[in-house]
């Protein structure tokens, strides 16, 4: 599973000639279907325009680079917008997450996705900086009915019940757990 924050800034390299064709500057999301549809490139040199690579053209996404089959897989952003299969670019970062019972769970700070299928698997949430430092962040899985708008995301109770902590936070690092105290 990949993280949006870790993919940003990675070089995109063609496997056929080893050339770098650009750097990942964003992803194209299709929130209605919980999918990542394309990788947006920032190109340098003579070609300063942004291009995109449909996710199905990505051979692998490693911790240090994104590998594509050949340089011809890049498309103009206008071409992608015409293709209704890719949908409209939506931004999930910074959206508020609410349960359908009206409880606020924080703001989207990272997106977890499977690059092979394009499926958005989960969202990393921040309640506030102090809570992040003390408790760590939570990851909410995206299953069940999820409603996306330009400002908010509504999730079912099942997703809230499956929310997991990232394991970070000072409290967990500084305070020993009860089992260790009993030893």
N, C-alpha and C. Protein backbone atom coordinates (compact mmCIF):
# COMPACT_ATOMS: atom_id res chain seq x y z
N UNK A 1 0.83 -1.17 0.00
CA UNK A 1 0.00 0.00 0.00
C UNK A 1 0.89 1.25 0.00
N UNK A 2 0.51 2.22 -0.80
CA UNK A 2 1.29 3.45 -0.94
C UNK A 2 0.62 4.58 -0.16
N UNK A 3 1.42 5.57 0.18
CA UNK A 3 0.92 6.77 0.84
C UNK A 3 1.10 7.95 -0.11
N UNK A 4 0.08 8.76 -0.20
CA UNK A 4 0.13 9.97 -1.02
C UNK A 4 1.37 10.79 -0.69
N UNK A 5 1.62 11.00 0.59
CA UNK A 5 2.74 11.85 1.02
C UNK A 5 4.10 11.29 0.61
N UNK A 6 4.21 9.97 0.48
CA UNK A 6 5.49 9.35 0.12
C UNK A 6 5.71 9.29 -1.39
N UNK A 7 4.63 9.38 -2.15
CA UNK A 7 4.73 9.34 -3.61
C UNK A 7 5.07 10.72 -4.18
N UNK A 8 4.60 11.77 -3.51
CA UNK A 8 4.88 13.13 -3.99
C UNK A 8 6.39 13.37 -4.06
N UNK A 9 6.84 13.90 -5.18
CA UNK A 9 8.25 14.22 -5.35
C UNK A 9 9.11 13.09 -5.88
N UNK A 10 8.53 11.90 -6.06
CA UNK A 10 9.33 10.78 -6.61
C UNK A 10 9.62 11.01 -8.09
N UNK A 11 10.81 10.61 -8.55
CA UNK A 11 11.09 10.68 -9.98
C UNK A 11 10.31 9.58 -10.71
N UNK A 12 9.91 9.87 -11.95
CA UNK A 12 9.24 8.88 -12.80
C UNK A 12 10.23 8.49 -13.88
N UNK A 13 10.53 7.19 -13.95
CA UNK A 13 11.58 6.69 -14.83
C UNK A 13 11.01 5.67 -15.81
N UNK A 14 11.42 5.78 -17.09
CA UNK A 14 11.01 4.83 -18.13
C UNK A 14 11.90 3.60 -18.07
N UNK A 15 11.29 2.43 -18.08
CA UNK A 15 12.06 1.19 -18.01
C UNK A 15 12.77 0.90 -19.34
N UNK A 16 12.23 1.38 -20.47
CA UNK A 16 12.85 1.05 -21.76
C UNK A 16 14.16 1.77 -22.02
N UNK A 17 14.32 3.00 -21.49
CA UNK A 17 15.58 3.71 -21.73
C UNK A 17 16.22 4.28 -20.46
N UNK A 18 15.59 4.10 -19.32
CA UNK A 18 16.16 4.56 -18.05
C UNK A 18 16.10 6.06 -17.83
N UNK A 19 15.41 6.78 -18.70
CA UNK A 19 15.36 8.24 -18.57
C UNK A 19 14.29 8.67 -17.57
N UNK A 20 14.60 9.75 -16.88
CA UNK A 20 13.62 10.37 -15.99
C UNK A 20 12.73 11.27 -16.84
N UNK A 21 11.41 11.05 -16.76
CA UNK A 21 10.50 11.87 -17.58
C UNK A 21 9.80 12.96 -16.76
N UNK A 22 10.03 12.97 -15.48
CA UNK A 22 9.42 14.00 -14.64
C UNK A 22 9.40 13.59 -13.18
N UNK A 23 8.69 14.37 -12.40
CA UNK A 23 8.56 14.15 -10.96
C UNK A 23 7.08 14.15 -10.61
N UNK A 24 6.67 13.26 -9.72
CA UNK A 24 5.27 13.22 -9.29
C UNK A 24 4.95 14.50 -8.52
N UNK A 25 3.93 15.23 -9.00
CA UNK A 25 3.53 16.46 -8.29
C UNK A 25 2.13 16.35 -7.71
N UNK A 26 1.35 15.35 -8.14
CA UNK A 26 0.01 15.15 -7.59
C UNK A 26 -0.55 13.85 -8.14
N UNK A 27 -1.71 13.47 -7.62
CA UNK A 27 -2.44 12.31 -8.11
C UNK A 27 -3.82 12.78 -8.53
N UNK A 28 -4.41 12.10 -9.51
CA UNK A 28 -5.77 12.39 -9.93
C UNK A 28 -6.68 11.40 -9.23
N UNK A 29 -7.59 11.92 -8.41
CA UNK A 29 -8.52 11.08 -7.66
C UNK A 29 -9.88 11.09 -8.33
N UNK A 30 -10.56 9.97 -8.24
CA UNK A 30 -11.94 9.85 -8.68
C UNK A 30 -12.72 9.41 -7.45
N UNK A 31 -13.05 10.37 -6.55
CA UNK A 31 -13.62 10.03 -5.25
C UNK A 31 -14.89 9.18 -5.31
N UNK A 32 -15.73 9.42 -6.29
CA UNK A 32 -16.99 8.68 -6.39
C UNK A 32 -16.76 7.17 -6.36
N UNK A 33 -15.68 6.71 -6.99
CA UNK A 33 -15.37 5.28 -7.04
C UNK A 33 -14.21 4.89 -6.13
N UNK A 34 -13.78 5.82 -5.27
CA UNK A 34 -12.67 5.58 -4.32
C UNK A 34 -11.42 5.12 -5.07
N UNK A 35 -11.06 5.83 -6.12
CA UNK A 35 -9.94 5.43 -6.97
C UNK A 35 -8.94 6.56 -7.19
N UNK A 36 -7.69 6.16 -7.34
CA UNK A 36 -6.64 7.02 -7.88
C UNK A 36 -6.58 6.65 -9.36
N UNK A 37 -6.65 7.63 -10.25
CA UNK A 37 -6.72 7.32 -11.67
C UNK A 37 -5.46 7.64 -12.45
N UNK A 38 -4.66 8.59 -11.96
CA UNK A 38 -3.47 8.98 -12.72
C UNK A 38 -2.46 9.67 -11.82
N UNK A 39 -1.22 9.69 -12.31
CA UNK A 39 -0.11 10.38 -11.64
C UNK A 39 0.17 11.64 -12.45
N UNK A 40 0.16 12.80 -11.80
CA UNK A 40 0.51 14.04 -12.48
C UNK A 40 2.00 14.27 -12.39
N UNK A 41 2.60 14.66 -13.50
CA UNK A 41 4.04 14.89 -13.57
C UNK A 41 4.34 16.37 -13.65
N UNK A 42 5.39 16.75 -12.99
CA UNK A 42 5.96 18.07 -13.18
C UNK A 42 7.24 17.83 -13.96
N UNK A 43 7.33 18.46 -15.11
CA UNK A 43 8.50 18.23 -15.96
C UNK A 43 9.42 19.42 -15.89
N UNK A 44 10.68 19.16 -16.12
CA UNK A 44 11.68 20.23 -16.05
C UNK A 44 12.30 20.44 -17.43
N UNK A 45 13.14 21.42 -17.52
CA UNK A 45 13.83 21.69 -18.78
C UNK A 45 12.93 22.42 -19.76
N UNK A 46 12.99 22.01 -21.03
CA UNK A 46 12.22 22.68 -22.08
C UNK A 46 10.72 22.43 -21.93
N UNK A 47 10.36 21.29 -21.36
CA UNK A 47 8.95 20.89 -21.25
C UNK A 47 8.45 21.16 -19.83
N UNK A 48 8.05 22.38 -19.57
CA UNK A 48 7.64 22.75 -18.21
C UNK A 48 6.15 22.50 -17.99
N UNK A 49 5.44 22.02 -18.98
CA UNK A 49 4.01 21.75 -18.81
C UNK A 49 3.79 20.48 -18.00
N UNK A 50 2.61 20.41 -17.36
CA UNK A 50 2.28 19.22 -16.58
C UNK A 50 1.65 18.18 -17.50
N UNK A 51 2.04 16.95 -17.30
CA UNK A 51 1.47 15.82 -18.02
C UNK A 51 1.01 14.80 -16.99
N UNK A 52 0.27 13.81 -17.44
CA UNK A 52 -0.23 12.79 -16.53
C UNK A 52 0.02 11.41 -17.11
N UNK A 53 0.09 10.43 -16.22
CA UNK A 53 0.24 9.04 -16.60
C UNK A 53 -0.91 8.27 -15.97
N UNK A 54 -1.78 7.65 -16.79
CA UNK A 54 -2.84 6.82 -16.21
C UNK A 54 -2.23 5.74 -15.32
N UNK A 55 -2.85 5.46 -14.20
CA UNK A 55 -2.28 4.54 -13.22
C UNK A 55 -2.02 3.15 -13.81
N UNK A 56 -2.83 2.74 -14.78
CA UNK A 56 -2.62 1.41 -15.38
C UNK A 56 -1.32 1.33 -16.17
N UNK A 57 -0.70 2.46 -16.48
CA UNK A 57 0.59 2.48 -17.17
C UNK A 57 1.78 2.39 -16.22
N UNK A 58 1.53 2.46 -14.91
CA UNK A 58 2.60 2.40 -13.92
C UNK A 58 2.98 0.93 -13.68
N UNK A 59 4.25 0.59 -13.91
CA UNK A 59 4.72 -0.77 -13.68
C UNK A 59 4.97 -1.03 -12.20
N UNK A 60 5.60 -0.07 -11.54
CA UNK A 60 5.84 -0.23 -10.10
C UNK A 60 5.99 1.14 -9.46
N UNK A 61 5.70 1.15 -8.16
CA UNK A 61 5.81 2.37 -7.37
C UNK A 61 6.61 1.98 -6.14
N UNK A 62 7.89 2.31 -6.16
CA UNK A 62 8.75 1.96 -5.05
C UNK A 62 8.94 3.13 -4.11
N UNK A 63 9.78 2.93 -3.10
CA UNK A 63 10.01 4.02 -2.14
C UNK A 63 10.87 5.13 -2.72
N UNK A 64 11.58 4.84 -3.82
CA UNK A 64 12.49 5.83 -4.39
C UNK A 64 12.12 6.32 -5.79
N UNK A 65 11.23 5.61 -6.48
CA UNK A 65 10.88 6.02 -7.85
C UNK A 65 9.60 5.33 -8.31
N UNK A 66 8.97 5.95 -9.31
CA UNK A 66 7.83 5.37 -10.02
C UNK A 66 8.37 4.92 -11.37
N UNK A 67 8.09 3.67 -11.74
CA UNK A 67 8.61 3.11 -12.99
C UNK A 67 7.46 2.91 -13.97
N UNK A 68 7.65 3.42 -15.20
CA UNK A 68 6.66 3.24 -16.27
C UNK A 68 7.32 2.51 -17.43
N UNK A 69 6.50 1.94 -18.31
CA UNK A 69 7.00 1.12 -19.41
C UNK A 69 7.77 1.94 -20.44
N UNK A 70 7.17 3.02 -20.92
CA UNK A 70 7.86 3.86 -21.89
C UNK A 70 7.37 5.30 -21.79
N UNK A 71 8.12 6.18 -22.41
CA UNK A 71 7.84 7.63 -22.32
C UNK A 71 6.54 8.02 -23.03
N UNK A 72 6.07 7.20 -23.93
CA UNK A 72 4.87 7.55 -24.69
C UNK A 72 3.58 7.40 -23.88
N UNK A 73 3.68 6.92 -22.65
CA UNK A 73 2.47 6.74 -21.84
C UNK A 73 1.97 8.04 -21.22
N UNK A 74 2.72 9.12 -21.34
CA UNK A 74 2.26 10.40 -20.77
C UNK A 74 1.16 10.99 -21.64
N UNK A 75 0.22 11.63 -20.99
CA UNK A 75 -0.91 12.27 -21.67
C UNK A 75 -1.01 13.71 -21.22
N UNK A 76 -1.56 14.55 -22.08
CA UNK A 76 -1.86 15.91 -21.67
C UNK A 76 -3.04 15.85 -20.69
N UNK A 77 -3.05 16.78 -19.76
CA UNK A 77 -4.14 16.80 -18.79
C UNK A 77 -5.47 16.99 -19.48
N UNK A 78 -5.50 17.78 -20.55
CA UNK A 78 -6.76 18.00 -21.29
C UNK A 78 -7.28 16.70 -21.90
N UNK A 79 -6.37 15.79 -22.32
CA UNK A 79 -6.79 14.49 -22.85
C UNK A 79 -7.44 13.65 -21.76
N UNK A 80 -6.89 13.71 -20.56
CA UNK A 80 -7.46 12.94 -19.45
C UNK A 80 -8.84 13.45 -19.07
N UNK A 81 -9.02 14.77 -19.11
CA UNK A 81 -10.31 15.35 -18.75
C UNK A 81 -11.39 14.95 -19.75
N UNK A 82 -11.02 14.73 -21.01
CA UNK A 82 -11.98 14.29 -22.02
C UNK A 82 -12.40 12.84 -21.80
N UNK A 83 -11.51 12.05 -21.23
CA UNK A 83 -11.77 10.63 -21.01
C UNK A 83 -12.63 10.46 -19.77
N UNK A 84 -13.90 10.13 -19.95
CA UNK A 84 -14.80 10.04 -18.80
C UNK A 84 -14.45 8.89 -17.86
N UNK A 85 -13.66 7.92 -18.31
CA UNK A 85 -13.25 6.84 -17.41
C UNK A 85 -12.34 7.35 -16.29
N UNK A 86 -11.62 8.43 -16.54
CA UNK A 86 -10.74 8.97 -15.51
C UNK A 86 -11.46 9.90 -14.56
N UNK A 87 -12.57 10.46 -14.99
CA UNK A 87 -13.35 11.32 -14.11
C UNK A 87 -12.69 12.65 -13.86
N UNK A 88 -13.27 13.40 -12.93
CA UNK A 88 -12.77 14.72 -12.58
C UNK A 88 -11.77 14.60 -11.45
N UNK A 89 -10.75 15.45 -11.52
CA UNK A 89 -9.74 15.47 -10.47
C UNK A 89 -10.37 16.02 -9.20
N UNK A 90 -10.31 15.24 -8.15
CA UNK A 90 -10.81 15.69 -6.86
C UNK A 90 -9.67 15.74 -5.88
N UNK A 91 -9.74 16.66 -4.95
CA UNK A 91 -8.70 16.75 -3.93
C UNK A 91 -9.27 16.27 -2.61
N UNK A 92 -8.65 15.27 -2.01
CA UNK A 92 -9.12 14.73 -0.73
C UNK A 92 -8.37 15.31 0.45
N UNK A 93 -7.16 15.81 0.22
CA UNK A 93 -6.35 16.35 1.31
C UNK A 93 -7.05 17.57 1.91
N UNK A 94 -7.13 17.59 3.23
CA UNK A 94 -7.72 18.72 3.93
C UNK A 94 -9.22 18.64 4.13
N UNK A 95 -9.88 17.63 3.54
CA UNK A 95 -11.32 17.49 3.75
C UNK A 95 -11.60 17.02 5.17
N UNK A 96 -12.74 17.44 5.73
CA UNK A 96 -13.16 16.99 7.06
C UNK A 96 -13.89 15.66 6.92
N UNK A 97 -13.68 14.78 7.91
CA UNK A 97 -14.34 13.48 7.95
C UNK A 97 -15.41 13.52 9.04
N UNK A 98 -16.64 13.15 8.67
CA UNK A 98 -17.74 13.06 9.62
C UNK A 98 -18.37 11.68 9.53
N UNK A 99 -18.85 11.19 10.67
CA UNK A 99 -19.66 9.98 10.64
C UNK A 99 -21.06 10.39 10.22
N UNK A 100 -21.85 9.45 9.79
CA UNK A 100 -23.22 9.77 9.38
C UNK A 100 -24.10 10.11 10.58
N UNK A 101 -23.57 9.91 11.79
CA UNK A 101 -24.29 10.35 12.99
C UNK A 101 -23.87 11.76 13.40
N UNK A 102 -22.99 12.39 12.61
CA UNK A 102 -22.63 13.79 12.83
C UNK A 102 -21.39 14.04 13.66
N UNK A 103 -20.59 13.01 13.94
CA UNK A 103 -19.38 13.20 14.74
C UNK A 103 -18.20 13.54 13.83
N UNK A 104 -17.44 14.57 14.22
CA UNK A 104 -16.28 15.03 13.46
C UNK A 104 -15.06 14.22 13.89
N UNK A 105 -14.36 13.63 12.92
CA UNK A 105 -13.19 12.80 13.22
C UNK A 105 -11.88 13.43 12.78
N UNK A 106 -11.92 14.62 12.23
CA UNK A 106 -10.68 15.29 11.87
C UNK A 106 -10.56 15.57 10.38
N UNK A 107 -9.34 15.89 9.99
CA UNK A 107 -9.02 16.31 8.63
C UNK A 107 -8.11 15.29 7.96
N UNK A 108 -8.33 15.05 6.67
CA UNK A 108 -7.49 14.12 5.91
C UNK A 108 -6.09 14.72 5.76
N UNK A 109 -5.08 13.97 6.24
CA UNK A 109 -3.69 14.41 6.14
C UNK A 109 -2.86 13.51 5.22
N UNK A 110 -3.35 12.30 4.94
CA UNK A 110 -2.65 11.40 4.02
C UNK A 110 -3.66 10.42 3.45
N UNK A 111 -3.32 9.83 2.30
CA UNK A 111 -4.20 8.91 1.60
C UNK A 111 -3.43 7.63 1.34
N UNK A 112 -4.01 6.49 1.72
CA UNK A 112 -3.39 5.19 1.50
C UNK A 112 -4.10 4.53 0.33
N UNK A 113 -3.33 4.07 -0.67
CA UNK A 113 -3.93 3.48 -1.85
C UNK A 113 -3.09 2.34 -2.39
N UNK A 114 -3.72 1.48 -3.19
CA UNK A 114 -3.05 0.38 -3.87
C UNK A 114 -2.82 0.81 -5.31
N UNK A 115 -1.57 1.01 -5.69
CA UNK A 115 -1.30 1.52 -7.04
C UNK A 115 -1.66 0.51 -8.12
N UNK A 116 -1.70 -0.78 -7.80
CA UNK A 116 -2.01 -1.79 -8.82
C UNK A 116 -3.48 -1.75 -9.23
N UNK A 117 -4.36 -1.48 -8.27
CA UNK A 117 -5.79 -1.42 -8.57
C UNK A 117 -6.31 0.01 -8.60
N UNK A 118 -5.55 0.94 -8.01
CA UNK A 118 -6.00 2.32 -7.90
C UNK A 118 -6.94 2.56 -6.74
N UNK A 119 -7.26 1.53 -5.98
CA UNK A 119 -8.23 1.66 -4.89
C UNK A 119 -7.68 2.45 -3.72
N UNK A 120 -8.45 3.43 -3.26
CA UNK A 120 -8.11 4.16 -2.05
C UNK A 120 -8.54 3.30 -0.88
N UNK A 121 -7.58 2.82 -0.11
CA UNK A 121 -7.85 1.88 0.99
C UNK A 121 -8.18 2.58 2.30
N UNK A 122 -7.59 3.75 2.53
CA UNK A 122 -7.83 4.42 3.80
C UNK A 122 -7.36 5.86 3.79
N UNK A 123 -7.76 6.58 4.83
CA UNK A 123 -7.37 7.98 4.99
C UNK A 123 -6.76 8.16 6.36
N UNK A 124 -5.62 8.84 6.40
CA UNK A 124 -5.00 9.17 7.68
C UNK A 124 -5.55 10.52 8.13
N UNK A 125 -6.02 10.55 9.38
CA UNK A 125 -6.71 11.73 9.91
C UNK A 125 -5.89 12.44 10.96
N UNK A 126 -6.08 13.74 11.02
CA UNK A 126 -5.50 14.55 12.08
C UNK A 126 -6.64 15.25 12.80
N UNK A 127 -6.67 15.10 14.13
CA UNK A 127 -7.70 15.78 14.91
C UNK A 127 -7.22 17.19 15.24
N UNK A 128 -5.98 17.31 15.66
CA UNK A 128 -5.31 18.59 15.88
C UNK A 128 -3.85 18.28 16.17
N UNK A 129 -3.00 19.26 16.07
CA UNK A 129 -1.56 19.06 16.25
C UNK A 129 -1.23 18.46 17.61
N UNK A 130 -1.86 18.99 18.66
CA UNK A 130 -1.57 18.49 20.01
C UNK A 130 -1.97 17.02 20.13
N UNK A 131 -3.14 16.66 19.62
CA UNK A 131 -3.59 15.27 19.67
C UNK A 131 -2.65 14.38 18.85
N UNK A 132 -2.23 14.85 17.68
CA UNK A 132 -1.30 14.08 16.85
C UNK A 132 -0.01 13.79 17.60
N UNK A 133 0.51 14.79 18.30
CA UNK A 133 1.76 14.62 19.05
C UNK A 133 1.55 13.67 20.23
N UNK A 134 0.45 13.83 20.93
CA UNK A 134 0.22 13.02 22.14
C UNK A 134 -0.25 11.60 21.82
N UNK A 135 -1.21 11.46 20.93
CA UNK A 135 -1.85 10.17 20.67
C UNK A 135 -1.45 9.51 19.35
N UNK A 136 -0.98 10.29 18.40
CA UNK A 136 -0.75 9.77 17.06
C UNK A 136 -1.99 9.99 16.20
N UNK A 137 -1.89 9.67 14.95
CA UNK A 137 -3.02 9.84 14.02
C UNK A 137 -3.78 8.55 13.87
N UNK A 138 -5.02 8.67 13.39
CA UNK A 138 -5.87 7.52 13.12
C UNK A 138 -5.97 7.30 11.62
N UNK A 139 -6.15 6.03 11.24
CA UNK A 139 -6.40 5.68 9.84
C UNK A 139 -7.80 5.09 9.78
N UNK A 140 -8.61 5.65 8.90
CA UNK A 140 -9.97 5.15 8.73
C UNK A 140 -10.04 4.43 7.39
N UNK A 141 -10.47 3.16 7.39
CA UNK A 141 -10.59 2.42 6.13
C UNK A 141 -11.79 2.94 5.33
N UNK A 142 -11.68 2.90 4.02
CA UNK A 142 -12.78 3.35 3.18
C UNK A 142 -13.55 2.16 2.65
N UNK A 143 -14.46 1.65 3.45
CA UNK A 143 -15.37 0.64 2.94
C UNK A 143 -16.77 1.00 3.37
N UNK A 144 -17.74 0.33 2.79
CA UNK A 144 -19.12 0.73 3.01
C UNK A 144 -19.43 1.95 2.16
N UNK A 145 -20.53 2.56 2.46
CA UNK A 145 -20.96 3.74 1.70
C UNK A 145 -20.21 4.97 2.20
N UNK A 146 -19.52 5.63 1.30
CA UNK A 146 -18.76 6.84 1.62
C UNK A 146 -19.26 7.93 0.68
N UNK A 147 -19.58 9.08 1.25
CA UNK A 147 -20.05 10.22 0.47
C UNK A 147 -18.97 11.29 0.44
N UNK A 148 -18.60 11.73 -0.75
CA UNK A 148 -17.59 12.77 -0.93
C UNK A 148 -18.25 14.05 -1.41
N UNK A 149 -17.86 15.17 -0.84
CA UNK A 149 -18.26 16.47 -1.38
C UNK A 149 -16.97 17.29 -1.53
N UNK A 150 -17.09 18.53 -1.93
CA UNK A 150 -15.89 19.36 -2.09
C UNK A 150 -15.31 19.78 -0.75
N UNK A 151 -16.09 19.64 0.34
CA UNK A 151 -15.64 20.10 1.66
C UNK A 151 -15.54 19.00 2.70
N UNK A 152 -16.34 17.92 2.55
CA UNK A 152 -16.44 16.90 3.60
C UNK A 152 -16.50 15.50 3.02
N UNK A 153 -16.24 14.53 3.91
CA UNK A 153 -16.42 13.12 3.60
C UNK A 153 -17.28 12.54 4.71
N UNK A 154 -18.35 11.84 4.33
CA UNK A 154 -19.22 11.16 5.30
C UNK A 154 -18.96 9.67 5.21
N UNK A 155 -18.75 9.03 6.37
CA UNK A 155 -18.47 7.59 6.40
C UNK A 155 -19.48 6.87 7.29
N UNK A 156 -19.67 5.59 7.02
CA UNK A 156 -20.56 4.74 7.81
C UNK A 156 -19.96 4.41 9.16
N UNK A 157 -20.80 3.97 10.06
CA UNK A 157 -20.38 3.55 11.40
C UNK A 157 -19.35 2.41 11.33
N UNK A 158 -19.50 1.51 10.36
CA UNK A 158 -18.58 0.38 10.23
C UNK A 158 -17.14 0.85 10.02
N UNK A 159 -16.96 1.89 9.22
CA UNK A 159 -15.62 2.44 8.99
C UNK A 159 -15.06 3.05 10.27
N UNK A 160 -15.90 3.73 11.03
CA UNK A 160 -15.47 4.33 12.30
C UNK A 160 -15.06 3.23 13.28
N UNK A 161 -15.83 2.14 13.31
CA UNK A 161 -15.52 1.02 14.22
C UNK A 161 -14.19 0.37 13.89
N UNK A 162 -13.77 0.43 12.62
CA UNK A 162 -12.52 -0.20 12.18
C UNK A 162 -11.34 0.76 12.16
N UNK A 163 -11.55 2.00 12.61
CA UNK A 163 -10.48 2.99 12.61
C UNK A 163 -9.33 2.51 13.48
N UNK A 164 -8.10 2.70 13.00
CA UNK A 164 -6.91 2.24 13.71
C UNK A 164 -5.96 3.39 13.96
N UNK A 165 -5.26 3.33 15.09
CA UNK A 165 -4.25 4.33 15.40
C UNK A 165 -2.96 3.95 14.70
N UNK A 166 -2.19 4.94 14.29
CA UNK A 166 -0.93 4.69 13.57
C UNK A 166 0.17 4.19 14.49
N UNK A 167 -0.06 4.25 15.78
CA UNK A 167 0.96 3.79 16.72
C UNK A 167 1.92 4.87 17.14
N UNK A 168 1.73 6.07 16.63
CA UNK A 168 2.60 7.17 17.00
C UNK A 168 2.12 7.85 18.26
N UNK A 169 2.75 8.93 18.61
CA UNK A 169 2.33 9.71 19.76
C UNK A 169 3.26 9.54 20.95
N UNK A 170 3.44 10.62 21.67
CA UNK A 170 4.34 10.62 22.83
C UNK A 170 3.83 9.77 23.98
N UNK A 171 2.52 9.73 24.18
CA UNK A 171 1.97 8.97 25.31
C UNK A 171 2.39 7.51 25.21
N UNK A 172 2.30 6.94 24.03
CA UNK A 172 2.65 5.52 23.86
C UNK A 172 4.15 5.29 24.01
N UNK A 173 4.94 6.30 23.68
CA UNK A 173 6.39 6.14 23.76
C UNK A 173 6.94 6.42 25.15
N UNK A 174 6.31 7.34 25.86
CA UNK A 174 6.83 7.75 27.17
C UNK A 174 6.23 6.99 28.35
N UNK A 175 4.97 6.60 28.22
CA UNK A 175 4.32 5.89 29.32
C UNK A 175 4.35 4.39 29.06
N UNK A 176 4.88 3.60 29.99
CA UNK A 176 4.88 2.15 29.78
C UNK A 176 3.46 1.61 29.86
N UNK A 177 3.21 0.55 29.11
CA UNK A 177 1.88 -0.05 29.14
C UNK A 177 1.72 -0.86 30.43
N UNK A 178 0.49 -1.19 30.78
CA UNK A 178 0.19 -1.87 32.04
C UNK A 178 0.89 -3.22 32.15
N UNK A 179 1.01 -3.95 31.05
CA UNK A 179 1.65 -5.26 31.09
C UNK A 179 3.11 -5.15 31.52
N UNK A 180 3.80 -4.12 31.03
CA UNK A 180 5.20 -3.94 31.38
C UNK A 180 5.35 -3.51 32.84
N UNK A 181 4.37 -2.77 33.39
CA UNK A 181 4.43 -2.34 34.78
C UNK A 181 4.31 -3.52 35.73
N UNK A 182 3.54 -4.55 35.34
CA UNK A 182 3.30 -5.71 36.20
C UNK A 182 4.52 -6.61 36.30
N UNK A 183 5.45 -6.52 35.37
CA UNK A 183 6.62 -7.41 35.34
C UNK A 183 7.59 -7.10 36.41
